Amino acid sequence: MNRINVKKFGFAFGLTGALVYLGCMVVMATVGQEDSIIFFNSLFHGLDTTSIIRVHVPLLEALFGIIQTFILGWLIGACIAAFYNAQLKLNK
């Protein structure tokens, strides 16, 4: 079996998370608060997002959010790859 490159998998996972974050930003910036609430309520069925949706987020806060999402995604992806690789070693 092939091993997963921990750094590359972590980067891919982090970048994917950052793109999802940017997608959420675009939705919220283009459709407004009411339609954002409808969109996210339908996405997270059973969860009412009315009280947590903020469409007016400062640019610096959004930038930090993208960076934090990327870092957390990278760490999660790196852990997944490392655990997968460790499992391969145990099965040999």
Protein backbone atom coordinates (compact mmCIF):
# COMPACT_ATOMS: atom_id res chain seq x y z
CA MET A 1 0.00 0.00 0.00
CA ASN A 2 1.07 3.55 -0.68
CA ARG A 3 1.80 5.98 2.10
CA ILE A 4 0.18 9.41 2.17
CA ASN A 5 2.49 12.43 2.13
CA VAL A 6 1.55 14.11 5.42
CA LYS A 7 2.49 17.66 4.38
CA LYS A 8 0.76 17.50 1.00
CA PHE A 9 -2.41 15.94 2.41
CA GLY A 10 -2.49 18.51 5.22
CA PHE A 11 -2.05 21.33 2.70
CA ALA A 12 -4.83 19.97 0.50
CA PHE A 13 -7.17 19.62 3.48
CA GLY A 14 -6.34 23.14 4.73
CA LEU A 15 -6.78 24.69 1.30
CA THR A 16 -10.13 22.95 0.88
CA GLY A 17 -11.29 24.34 4.24
CA ALA A 18 -10.16 27.84 3.25
CA LEU A 19 -12.06 27.58 -0.05
CA VAL A 20 -15.22 26.51 1.78
CA TYR A 21 -14.75 29.49 4.12
CA LEU A 22 -14.39 31.81 1.12
CA GLY A 23 -17.50 30.29 -0.43
CA CYS A 24 -19.46 31.07 2.72
CA MET A 25 -18.13 34.63 2.61
CA VAL A 26 -19.26 35.04 -1.01
CA VAL A 27 -22.74 33.69 -0.24
CA MET A 28 -23.15 36.00 2.73
CA ALA A 29 -21.81 39.04 0.86
CA THR A 30 -24.00 38.55 -2.20
CA VAL A 31 -27.39 37.36 -0.95
CA GLY A 32 -27.85 39.35 2.28
CA GLN A 33 -28.78 38.29 5.79
CA GLU A 34 -32.27 36.84 5.21
CA ASP A 35 -31.24 34.65 2.28
CA SER A 36 -28.02 33.64 4.08
CA ILE A 37 -30.14 32.42 6.98
CA ILE A 38 -32.35 30.43 4.59
CA PHE A 39 -29.29 28.97 2.83
CA PHE A 40 -27.46 27.93 6.00
CA ASN A 41 -30.64 26.65 7.68
CA SER A 42 -31.23 24.38 4.69
CA LEU A 43 -27.57 23.30 4.68
CA PHE A 44 -27.59 22.48 8.40
CA HIS A 45 -31.10 20.99 8.51
CA GLY A 46 -32.51 21.03 11.99
CA LEU A 47 -30.22 23.85 13.15
CA ASP A 48 -31.54 27.43 13.27
CA THR A 49 -28.70 29.78 12.31
CA THR A 50 -30.75 32.97 12.74
CA SER A 51 -29.04 34.06 15.95
CA ILE A 52 -25.46 33.37 14.76
CA ILE A 53 -25.43 34.83 11.23
CA ARG A 54 -23.48 38.10 11.01
CA VAL A 55 -23.20 39.55 7.52
CA HIS A 56 -21.18 42.62 8.55
CA VAL A 57 -17.84 41.07 9.53
CA PRO A 58 -14.72 43.28 9.58
CA LEU A 59 -12.20 42.44 6.84
CA LEU A 60 -9.41 41.73 9.34
CA GLU A 61 -11.63 39.31 11.26
CA ALA A 62 -12.51 37.51 8.01
CA LEU A 63 -8.82 37.30 7.06
CA PHE A 64 -7.97 35.79 10.45
CA GLY A 65 -10.85 33.34 9.98
CA ILE A 66 -9.45 32.15 6.64
CA ILE A 67 -5.97 31.74 8.13
CA GLN A 68 -7.29 29.90 11.19
CA THR A 69 -9.42 27.62 9.04
CA PHE A 70 -6.42 26.80 6.84
CA ILE A 71 -4.22 26.03 9.85
CA LEU A 72 -6.84 23.83 11.52
CA GLY A 73 -7.52 22.07 8.21
CA TRP A 74 -3.80 21.47 7.69
CA LEU A 75 -3.46 20.01 11.17
CA ILE A 76 -6.52 17.78 10.72
CA GLY A 77 -5.31 16.59 7.30
CA ALA A 78 -1.81 15.94 8.58
CA CYS A 79 -3.21 13.92 11.48
CA ILE A 80 -5.40 11.86 9.15
CA ALA A 81 -2.42 11.10 6.90
CA ALA A 82 -0.16 10.29 9.85
CA PHE A 83 -2.76 7.97 11.41
CA TYR A 84 -3.30 6.28 8.05
CA ASN A 85 0.45 5.76 7.60
CA ALA A 86 0.79 4.44 11.15
CA GLN A 87 -2.01 1.96 10.48
CA LEU A 88 -0.11 0.70 7.42
CA LYS A 89 2.93 0.02 9.61
CA LEU A 90 0.84 -1.90 12.15
CA ASN A 91 -0.62 -4.16 9.46
CA LYS A 92 2.79 -5.27 8.14
